[in-house]
Amino acid sequence: MWDDGWHHDQVGLGWWPLMAVMMLVFWGGLAWLIVTLIRNNAVPHPPPSATTPDPTRADPEQILHERLARGEIDVDEYHQRIDALRAKRPEPT
């Protein structure tokens, strides 16, 4: 009377294993996501140092070389600027 005519033997148990698997997939995926986020945030990222070149910045000598090739500066100005750059640059140890 309370089950609107559905009897347990008509519905069967076919959906229970599927629901159990889906719950395991859901909770397993949630656990994987949390562990992944924690691991990625726990890895210390080294701060950029003065000795590490910045890949987004072009090499000043390369810029001067390109300017000379385009005719923006002459050979004398190129050599003056290269000498000035190399005089300011510390020698590697």
PDB file of N, CA and C in Angstrom:
ATOM      1  N   MET A   1       0.806  -1.182   0.000  1.00  0.00           N
ATOM      2  CA  MET A   1       0.000   0.000   0.000  1.00  0.00           C
ATOM      3  C   MET A   1       0.859   1.259   0.000  1.00  0.00           C
ATOM      4  N   TRP A   2       1.978   1.235   0.702  1.00  0.00           N
ATOM      5  CA  TRP A   2       2.820   2.413   0.790  1.00  0.00           C
ATOM      6  C   TRP A   2       3.832   2.494  -0.356  1.00  0.00           C
ATOM      7  N   ASP A   3       4.039   1.441  -1.097  1.00  0.00           N
ATOM      8  CA  ASP A   3       5.076   1.433  -2.121  1.00  0.00           C
ATOM      9  C   ASP A   3       4.526   1.615  -3.531  1.00  0.00           C
ATOM     10  N   ASP A   4       3.324   2.072  -3.710  1.00  0.00           N
ATOM     11  CA  ASP A   4       2.676   2.335  -5.000  1.00  0.00           C
ATOM     12  C   ASP A   4       2.711   1.135  -5.931  1.00  0.00           C
ATOM     13  N   GLY A   5       2.637  -0.032  -5.407  1.00  0.00           N
ATOM     14  CA  GLY A   5       2.571  -1.229  -6.219  1.00  0.00           C
ATOM     15  C   GLY A   5       3.910  -1.809  -6.618  1.00  0.00           C
ATOM     16  N   TRP A   6       4.997  -1.162  -6.256  1.00  0.00           N
ATOM     17  CA  TRP A   6       6.315  -1.711  -6.596  1.00  0.00           C
ATOM     18  C   TRP A   6       6.672  -2.752  -5.551  1.00  0.00           C
ATOM     19  N   HIS A   7       7.016  -3.869  -6.032  1.00  0.00           N
ATOM     20  CA  HIS A   7       7.415  -4.928  -5.124  1.00  0.00           C
ATOM     21  C   HIS A   7       8.906  -5.129  -5.263  1.00  0.00           C
ATOM     22  N   HIS A   8       9.517  -5.515  -4.188  1.00  0.00           N
ATOM     23  CA  HIS A   8      10.964  -5.687  -4.147  1.00  0.00           C
ATOM     24  C   HIS A   8      11.436  -6.690  -5.210  1.00  0.00           C
ATOM     25  N   ASP A   9      10.681  -7.691  -5.467  1.00  0.00           N
ATOM     26  CA  ASP A   9      11.101  -8.691  -6.436  1.00  0.00           C
ATOM     27  C   ASP A   9      10.961  -8.171  -7.858  1.00  0.00           C
ATOM     28  N   GLN A  10      10.171  -7.127  -8.108  1.00  0.00           N
ATOM     29  CA  GLN A  10      10.047  -6.557  -9.454  1.00  0.00           C
ATOM     30  C   GLN A  10      11.222  -5.629  -9.772  1.00  0.00           C
ATOM     31  N   VAL A  11      11.656  -4.873  -8.796  1.00  0.00           N
ATOM     32  CA  VAL A  11      12.749  -3.925  -9.009  1.00  0.00           C
ATOM     33  C   VAL A  11      14.063  -4.676  -9.096  1.00  0.00           C
ATOM     34  N   GLY A  12      14.276  -5.611  -8.265  1.00  0.00           N
ATOM     35  CA  GLY A  12      15.498  -6.391  -8.262  1.00  0.00           C
ATOM     36  C   GLY A  12      16.638  -5.620  -7.612  1.00  0.00           C
ATOM     37  N   LEU A  13      17.805  -6.208  -7.607  1.00  0.00           N
ATOM     38  CA  LEU A  13      18.967  -5.598  -6.983  1.00  0.00           C
ATOM     39  C   LEU A  13      19.981  -5.143  -8.026  1.00  0.00           C
ATOM     40  N   GLY A  14      19.581  -4.964  -9.258  1.00  0.00           N
ATOM     41  CA  GLY A  14      20.491  -4.610 -10.341  1.00  0.00           C
ATOM     42  C   GLY A  14      21.121  -3.231 -10.218  1.00  0.00           C
ATOM     43  N   TRP A  15      20.470  -2.300  -9.552  1.00  0.00           N
ATOM     44  CA  TRP A  15      20.996  -0.935  -9.442  1.00  0.00           C
ATOM     45  C   TRP A  15      21.962  -0.765  -8.281  1.00  0.00           C
ATOM     46  N   TRP A  16      21.882  -1.619  -7.274  1.00  0.00           N
ATOM     47  CA  TRP A  16      22.735  -1.460  -6.096  1.00  0.00           C
ATOM     48  C   TRP A  16      24.220  -1.590  -6.412  1.00  0.00           C
ATOM     49  N   PRO A  17      24.656  -2.550  -7.190  1.00  0.00           N
ATOM     50  CA  PRO A  17      26.094  -2.617  -7.500  1.00  0.00           C
ATOM     51  C   PRO A  17      26.573  -1.396  -8.287  1.00  0.00           C
ATOM     52  N   LEU A  18      25.741  -0.925  -9.211  1.00  0.00           N
ATOM     53  CA  LEU A  18      26.118   0.263  -9.992  1.00  0.00           C
ATOM     54  C   LEU A  18      26.231   1.495  -9.096  1.00  0.00           C
ATOM     55  N   MET A  19      25.288   1.657  -8.183  1.00  0.00           N
ATOM     56  CA  MET A  19      25.354   2.799  -7.275  1.00  0.00           C
ATOM     57  C   MET A  19      26.573   2.698  -6.355  1.00  0.00           C
ATOM     58  N   ALA A  20      26.905   1.502  -5.915  1.00  0.00           N
ATOM     59  CA  ALA A  20      28.076   1.320  -5.052  1.00  0.00           C
ATOM     60  C   ALA A  20      29.352   1.671  -5.816  1.00  0.00           C
ATOM     61  N   VAL A  21      29.458   1.248  -7.069  1.00  0.00           N
ATOM     62  CA  VAL A  21      30.632   1.563  -7.884  1.00  0.00           C
ATOM     63  C   VAL A  21      30.721   3.069  -8.117  1.00  0.00           C
ATOM     64  N   MET A  22      29.609   3.708  -8.397  1.00  0.00           N
ATOM     65  CA  MET A  22      29.608   5.152  -8.633  1.00  0.00           C
ATOM     66  C   MET A  22      30.025   5.922  -7.379  1.00  0.00           C
ATOM     67  N   MET A  23      29.611   5.461  -6.215  1.00  0.00           N
ATOM     68  CA  MET A  23      30.030   6.113  -4.978  1.00  0.00           C
ATOM     69  C   MET A  23      31.534   5.944  -4.765  1.00  0.00           C
ATOM     70  N   LEU A  24      32.071   4.760  -5.068  1.00  0.00           N
ATOM     71  CA  LEU A  24      33.513   4.546  -4.949  1.00  0.00           C
ATOM     72  C   LEU A  24      34.277   5.438  -5.920  1.00  0.00           C
ATOM     73  N   VAL A  25      33.769   5.571  -7.129  1.00  0.00           N
ATOM     74  CA  VAL A  25      34.418   6.435  -8.122  1.00  0.00           C
ATOM     75  C   VAL A  25      34.386   7.889  -7.644  1.00  0.00           C
ATOM     76  N   PHE A  26      33.263   8.330  -7.125  1.00  0.00           N
ATOM     77  CA  PHE A  26      33.133   9.709  -6.651  1.00  0.00           C
ATOM     78  C   PHE A  26      34.104   9.995  -5.510  1.00  0.00           C
ATOM     79  N   TRP A  27      34.080   9.160  -4.470  1.00  0.00           N
ATOM     80  CA  TRP A  27      34.940   9.400  -3.313  1.00  0.00           C
ATOM     81  C   TRP A  27      36.410   9.201  -3.652  1.00  0.00           C
ATOM     82  N   GLY A  28      36.709   8.249  -4.518  1.00  0.00           N
ATOM     83  CA  GLY A  28      38.089   8.046  -4.954  1.00  0.00           C
ATOM     84  C   GLY A  28      38.592   9.251  -5.752  1.00  0.00           C
ATOM     85  N   GLY A  29      37.744   9.788  -6.631  1.00  0.00           N
ATOM     86  CA  GLY A  29      38.123  10.977  -7.405  1.00  0.00           C
ATOM     87  C   GLY A  29      38.320  12.189  -6.515  1.00  0.00           C
ATOM     88  N   LEU A  30      37.464  12.340  -5.520  1.00  0.00           N
ATOM     89  CA  LEU A  30      37.601  13.457  -4.590  1.00  0.00           C
ATOM     90  C   LEU A  30      38.893  13.328  -3.778  1.00  0.00           C
ATOM     91  N   ALA A  31      39.203  12.129  -3.322  1.00  0.00           N
ATOM     92  CA  ALA A  31      40.442  11.913  -2.567  1.00  0.00           C
ATOM     93  C   ALA A  31      41.656  12.190  -3.449  1.00  0.00           C
ATOM     94  N   TRP A  32      41.621  11.722  -4.706  1.00  0.00           N
ATOM     95  CA  TRP A  32      42.733  11.967  -5.639  1.00  0.00           C
ATOM     96  C   TRP A  32      42.930  13.463  -5.856  1.00  0.00           C
ATOM     97  N   LEU A  33      41.840  14.200  -6.017  1.00  0.00           N
ATOM     98  CA  LEU A  33      41.924  15.643  -6.228  1.00  0.00           C
ATOM     99  C   LEU A  33      42.556  16.339  -5.026  1.00  0.00           C
ATOM    100  N   ILE A  34      42.142  15.980  -3.847  1.00  0.00           N
ATOM    101  CA  ILE A  34      42.689  16.598  -2.630  1.00  0.00           C
ATOM    102  C   ILE A  34      44.175  16.279  -2.482  1.00  0.00           C
ATOM    103  N   VAL A  35      44.547  15.025  -2.690  1.00  0.00           N
ATOM    104  CA  VAL A  35      45.959  14.638  -2.569  1.00  0.00           C
ATOM    105  C   VAL A  35      46.803  15.373  -3.615  1.00  0.00           C
ATOM    106  N   THR A  36      46.301  15.471  -4.841  1.00  0.00           N
ATOM    107  CA  THR A  36      47.028  16.168  -5.904  1.00  0.00           C
ATOM    108  C   THR A  36      47.222  17.635  -5.559  1.00  0.00           C
ATOM    109  N   LEU A  37      46.194  18.284  -5.074  1.00  0.00           N
ATOM    110  CA  LEU A  37      46.307  19.700  -4.703  1.00  0.00           C
ATOM    111  C   LEU A  37      47.293  19.899  -3.560  1.00  0.00           C
ATOM    112  N   ILE A  38      47.253  19.027  -2.586  1.00  0.00           N
ATOM    113  CA  ILE A  38      48.167  19.146  -1.449  1.00  0.00           C
ATOM    114  C   ILE A  38      49.609  18.927  -1.909  1.00  0.00           C
ATOM    115  N   ARG A  39      49.834  17.922  -2.741  1.00  0.00           N
ATOM    116  CA  ARG A  39      51.197  17.652  -3.218  1.00  0.00           C
ATOM    117  C   ARG A  39      51.743  18.801  -4.054  1.00  0.00           C
ATOM    118  N   ASN A  40      50.927  19.368  -4.925  1.00  0.00           N
ATOM    119  CA  ASN A  40      51.395  20.464  -5.778  1.00  0.00           C
ATOM    120  C   ASN A  40      51.696  21.719  -4.975  1.00  0.00           C
ATOM    121  N   ASN A  41      50.954  21.947  -3.921  1.00  0.00           N
ATOM    122  CA  ASN A  41      51.193  23.138  -3.100  1.00  0.00           C
ATOM    123  C   ASN A  41      52.295  22.909  -2.073  1.00  0.00           C
ATOM    124  N   ALA A  42      52.592  21.660  -1.758  1.00  0.00           N
ATOM    125  CA  ALA A  42      53.602  21.368  -0.743  1.00  0.00           C
ATOM    126  C   ALA A  42      55.011  21.400  -1.316  1.00  0.00           C
ATOM    127  N   VAL A  43      55.140  21.290  -2.634  1.00  0.00           N
ATOM    128  CA  VAL A  43      56.473  21.292  -3.254  1.00  0.00           C
ATOM    129  C   VAL A  43      57.026  22.702  -3.207  1.00  0.00           C
ATOM    130  N   PRO A  44      58.172  22.892  -2.556  1.00  0.00           N
ATOM    131  CA  PRO A  44      58.731  24.253  -2.500  1.00  0.00           C
ATOM    132  C   PRO A  44      59.263  24.656  -3.868  1.00  0.00           C
ATOM    133  N   HIS A  45      58.862  25.826  -4.293  1.00  0.00           N
ATOM    134  CA  HIS A  45      59.342  26.368  -5.551  1.00  0.00           C
ATOM    135  C   HIS A  45      60.488  27.314  -5.243  1.00  0.00           C
ATOM    136  N   PRO A  46      61.651  27.080  -5.833  1.00  0.00           N
ATOM    137  CA  PRO A  46      62.788  27.959  -5.538  1.00  0.00           C
ATOM    138  C   PRO A  46      62.530  29.367  -6.054  1.00  0.00           C
ATOM    139  N   PRO A  47      62.907  30.363  -5.284  1.00  0.00           N
ATOM    140  CA  PRO A  47      62.708  31.740  -5.744  1.00  0.00           C
ATOM    141  C   PRO A  47      63.651  32.039  -6.896  1.00  0.00           C
ATOM    142  N   PRO A  48      63.235  32.901  -7.805  1.00  0.00           N
ATOM    143  CA  PRO A  48      64.137  33.249  -8.895  1.00  0.00           C
ATOM    144  C   PRO A  48      65.356  33.976  -8.346  1.00  0.00           C
ATOM    145  N   SER A  49      66.514  33.577  -8.820  1.00  0.00           N
ATOM    146  CA  SER A  49      67.736  34.196  -8.329  1.00  0.00           C
ATOM    147  C   SER A  49      68.324  35.088  -9.406  1.00  0.00           C
ATOM    148  N   ALA A  50      69.315  35.854  -9.001  1.00  0.00           N
ATOM    149  CA  ALA A  50      69.958  36.773  -9.937  1.00  0.00           C
ATOM    150  C   ALA A  50      70.765  36.022 -10.986  1.00  0.00           C
ATOM    151  N   THR A  51      71.179  34.794 -10.676  1.00  0.00           N
ATOM    152  CA  THR A  51      71.975  34.036 -11.639  1.00  0.00           C
ATOM    153  C   THR A  51      71.118  33.269 -12.636  1.00  0.00           C
ATOM    154  N   THR A  52      69.828  33.118 -12.346  1.00  0.00           N
ATOM    155  CA  THR A  52      68.953  32.423 -13.265  1.00  0.00           C
ATOM    156  C   THR A  52      68.451  33.403 -14.316  1.00  0.00           C
ATOM    157  N   PRO A  53      68.721  33.133 -15.591  1.00  0.00           N
ATOM    158  CA  PRO A  53      68.258  34.057 -16.613  1.00  0.00           C
ATOM    159  C   PRO A  53      66.737  34.007 -16.752  1.00  0.00           C
ATOM    160  N   ASP A  54      66.166  35.147 -17.000  1.00  0.00           N
ATOM    161  CA  ASP A  54      64.724  35.251 -17.198  1.00  0.00           C
ATOM    162  C   ASP A  54      64.431  34.920 -18.660  1.00  0.00           C
ATOM    163  N   PRO A  55      63.676  33.831 -18.929  1.00  0.00           N
ATOM    164  CA  PRO A  55      63.447  33.450 -20.322  1.00  0.00           C
ATOM    165  C   PRO A  55      62.597  34.454 -21.088  1.00  0.00           C
ATOM    166  N   THR A  56      61.871  35.323 -20.379  1.00  0.00           N
ATOM    167  CA  THR A  56      61.033  36.296 -21.075  1.00  0.00           C
ATOM    168  C   THR A  56      61.822  37.517 -21.515  1.00  0.00           C
ATOM    169  N   ARG A  57      63.015  37.701 -20.953  1.00  0.00           N
ATOM    170  CA  ARG A  57      63.846  38.853 -21.326  1.00  0.00           C
ATOM    171  C   ARG A  57      64.865  38.431 -22.369  1.00  0.00           C
ATOM    172  N   ALA A  58      65.013  39.273 -23.374  1.00  0.00           N
ATOM    173  CA  ALA A  58      65.987  38.990 -24.418  1.00  0.00           C
ATOM    174  C   ALA A  58      67.385  39.361 -23.929  1.00  0.00           C
ATOM    175  N   ASP A  59      68.389  38.707 -24.475  1.00  0.00           N
ATOM    176  CA  ASP A  59      69.779  38.983 -24.158  1.00  0.00           C
ATOM    177  C   ASP A  59      70.141  40.354 -24.740  1.00  0.00           C
ATOM    178  N   PRO A  60      70.704  41.262 -23.945  1.00  0.00           N
ATOM    179  CA  PRO A  60      71.019  42.606 -24.457  1.00  0.00           C
ATOM    180  C   PRO A  60      71.953  42.579 -25.665  1.00  0.00           C
ATOM    181  N   GLU A  61      72.922  41.672 -25.661  1.00  0.00           N
ATOM    182  CA  GLU A  61      73.824  41.592 -26.809  1.00  0.00           C
ATOM    183  C   GLU A  61      73.078  41.139 -28.054  1.00  0.00           C
ATOM    184  N   GLN A  62      72.115  40.248 -27.875  1.00  0.00           N
ATOM    185  CA  GLN A  62      71.316  39.790 -29.012  1.00  0.00           C
ATOM    186  C   GLN A  62      70.468  40.932 -29.557  1.00  0.00           C
ATOM    187  N   ILE A  63      69.940  41.756 -28.676  1.00  0.00           N
ATOM    188  CA  ILE A  63      69.151  42.914 -29.114  1.00  0.00           C
ATOM    189  C   ILE A  63      70.026  43.859 -29.923  1.00  0.00           C
ATOM    190  N   LEU A  64      71.227  44.127 -29.426  1.00  0.00           N
ATOM    191  CA  LEU A  64      72.136  45.003 -30.172  1.00  0.00           C
ATOM    192  C   LEU A  64      72.487  44.402 -31.523  1.00  0.00           C
ATOM    193  N   HIS A  65      72.711  43.107 -31.560  1.00  0.00           N
ATOM    194  CA  HIS A  65      73.028  42.436 -32.817  1.00  0.00           C
ATOM    195  C   HIS A  65      71.873  42.596 -33.812  1.00  0.00           C
ATOM    196  N   GLU A  66      70.652  42.428 -33.331  1.00  0.00           N
ATOM    197  CA  GLU A  66      69.482  42.578 -34.199  1.00  0.00           C
ATOM    198  C   GLU A  66      69.320  44.021 -34.670  1.00  0.00           C
ATOM    199  N   ARG A  67      69.582  44.979 -33.775  1.00  0.00           N
ATOM    200  CA  ARG A  67      69.488  46.394 -34.175  1.00  0.00           C
ATOM    201  C   ARG A  67      70.528  46.725 -35.240  1.00  0.00           C
ATOM    202  N   LEU A  68      71.732  46.170 -35.110  1.00  0.00           N
ATOM    203  CA  LEU A  68      72.762  46.381 -36.122  1.00  0.00           C
ATOM    204  C   LEU A  68      72.322  45.767 -37.448  1.00  0.00           C
ATOM    205  N   ALA A  69      71.754  44.581 -37.390  1.00  0.00           N
ATOM    206  CA  ALA A  69      71.300  43.897 -38.606  1.00  0.00           C
ATOM    207  C   ALA A  69      70.174  44.665 -39.295  1.00  0.00           C
ATOM    208  N   ARG A  70      69.317  45.322 -38.522  1.00  0.00           N
ATOM    209  CA  ARG A  70      68.223  46.108 -39.118  1.00  0.00           C
ATOM    210  C   ARG A  70      68.680  47.475 -39.586  1.00  0.00           C
ATOM    211  N   GLY A  71      69.911  47.864 -39.246  1.00  0.00           N
ATOM    212  CA  GLY A  71      70.424  49.164 -39.643  1.00  0.00           C
ATOM    213  C   GLY A  71      70.026  50.293 -38.716  1.00  0.00           C
ATOM    214  N   GLU A  72      69.537  49.969 -37.524  1.00  0.00           N
ATOM    215  CA  GLU A  72      69.137  51.005 -36.569  1.00  0.00           C
ATOM    216  C   GLU A  72      70.348  51.674 -35.935  1.00  0.00           C
ATOM    217  N   ILE A  73      71.455  50.936 -35.811  1.00  0.00           N
ATOM    218  CA  ILE A  73      72.695  51.495 -35.268  1.00  0.00           C
ATOM    219  C   ILE A  73      73.832  51.115 -36.218  1.00  0.00           C
ATOM    220  N   ASP A  74      74.901  51.900 -36.177  1.00  0.00           N
ATOM    221  CA  ASP A  74      76.058  51.568 -37.027  1.00  0.00           C
ATOM    222  C   ASP A  74      77.043  50.701 -36.244  1.00  0.00           C
ATOM    223  N   VAL A  75      78.087  50.267 -36.924  1.00  0.00           N
ATOM    224  CA  VAL A  75      79.056  49.346 -36.332  1.00  0.00           C
ATOM    225  C   VAL A  75      79.772  49.965 -35.138  1.00  0.00           C
ATOM    226  N   ASP A  76      80.140  51.256 -35.251  1.00  0.00           N
ATOM    227  CA  ASP A  76      80.828  51.913 -34.135  1.00  0.00           C
ATOM    228  C   ASP A  76      79.946  51.963 -32.892  1.00  0.00           C
ATOM    229  N   GLU A  77      78.688  52.334 -33.066  1.00  0.00           N
ATOM    230  CA  GLU A  77      77.775  52.399 -31.919  1.00  0.00           C
ATOM    231  C   GLU A  77      77.551  50.990 -31.351  1.00  0.00           C
ATOM    232  N   TYR A  78      77.473  49.995 -32.235  1.00  0.00           N
ATOM    233  CA  TYR A  78      77.319  48.612 -31.781  1.00  0.00           C
ATOM    234  C   TYR A  78      78.474  48.214 -30.870  1.00  0.00           C
ATOM    235  N   HIS A  79      79.713  48.481 -31.302  1.00  0.00           N
ATOM    236  CA  HIS A  79      80.883  48.109 -30.501  1.00  0.00           C
ATOM    237  C   HIS A  79      80.955  48.900 -29.190  1.00  0.00           C
ATOM    238  N   GLN A  80      80.574  50.160 -29.223  1.00  0.00           N
ATOM    239  CA  GLN A  80      80.559  50.964 -27.990  1.00  0.00           C
ATOM    240  C   GLN A  80      79.582  50.362 -26.975  1.00  0.00           C
ATOM    241  N   ARG A  81      78.407  50.022 -27.459  1.00  0.00           N
ATOM    242  CA  ARG A  81      77.386  49.502 -26.546  1.00  0.00           C
ATOM    243  C   ARG A  81      77.728  48.092 -26.046  1.00  0.00           C
ATOM    244  N   ILE A  82      78.304  47.274 -26.918  1.00  0.00           N
ATOM    245  CA  ILE A  82      78.723  45.936 -26.491  1.00  0.00           C
ATOM    246  C   ILE A  82      79.810  46.045 -25.418  1.00  0.00           C
ATOM    247  N   ASP A  83      80.779  46.946 -25.653  1.00  0.00           N
ATOM    248  CA  ASP A  83      81.850  47.135 -24.660  1.00  0.00           C
ATOM    249  C   ASP A  83      81.274  47.623 -23.332  1.00  0.00           C
ATOM    250  N   ALA A  84      80.304  48.537 -23.401  1.00  0.00           N
ATOM    251  CA  ALA A  84      79.683  49.057 -22.176  1.00  0.00           C
ATOM    252  C   ALA A  84      78.922  47.947 -21.444  1.00  0.00           C
ATOM    253  N   LEU A  85      78.211  47.110 -22.193  1.00  0.00           N
ATOM    254  CA  LEU A  85      77.484  46.001 -21.563  1.00  0.00           C
ATOM    255  C   LEU A  85      78.441  45.021 -20.891  1.00  0.00           C
ATOM    256  N   ARG A  86      79.490  44.682 -21.579  1.00  0.00           N
ATOM    257  CA  ARG A  86      80.434  43.703 -21.038  1.00  0.00           C
ATOM    258  C   ARG A  86      81.219  44.264 -19.856  1.00  0.00           C
ATOM    259  N   ALA A  87      81.416  45.579 -19.811  1.00  0.00           N
ATOM    260  CA  ALA A  87      82.120  46.197 -18.686  1.00  0.00           C
ATOM    261  C   ALA A  87      81.256  46.167 -17.425  1.00  0.00           C
ATOM    262  N   LYS A  88      79.935  46.279 -17.579  1.00  0.00           N
ATOM    263  CA  LYS A  88      79.024  46.271 -16.431  1.00  0.00           C
ATOM    264  C   LYS A  88      78.710  44.874 -15.942  1.00  0.00           C
ATOM    265  N   ARG A  89      78.832  43.885 -16.809  1.00  0.00           N
ATOM    266  CA  ARG A  89      78.453  42.528 -16.473  1.00  0.00           C
ATOM    267  C   ARG A  89      79.510  41.880 -15.584  1.00  0.00           C
ATOM    268  N   PRO A  90      79.116  41.318 -14.449  1.00  0.00           N
ATOM    269  CA  PRO A  90      80.084  40.644 -13.579  1.00  0.00           C
ATOM    270  C   PRO A  90      80.569  39.360 -14.248  1.00  0.00           C
ATOM    271  N   GLU A  91      81.799  39.027 -13.977  1.00  0.00           N
ATOM    272  CA  GLU A  91      82.369  37.811 -14.550  1.00  0.00           C
ATOM    273  C   GLU A  91      81.860  36.601 -13.774  1.00  0.00           C
ATOM    274  N   PRO A  92      81.522  35.514 -14.499  1.00  0.00           N
ATOM    275  CA  PRO A  92      81.059  34.308 -13.790  1.00  0.00           C
ATOM    276  C   PRO A  92      82.198  33.659 -13.024  1.00  0.00           C
ATOM    277  N   THR A  93      81.866  33.078 -11.878  1.00  0.00           N
ATOM    278  CA  THR A  93      82.875  32.426 -11.045  1.00  0.00           C
ATOM    279  C   THR A  93      82.721  30.937 -11.082  1.00  0.00           C
TER     280      THR A  93
END
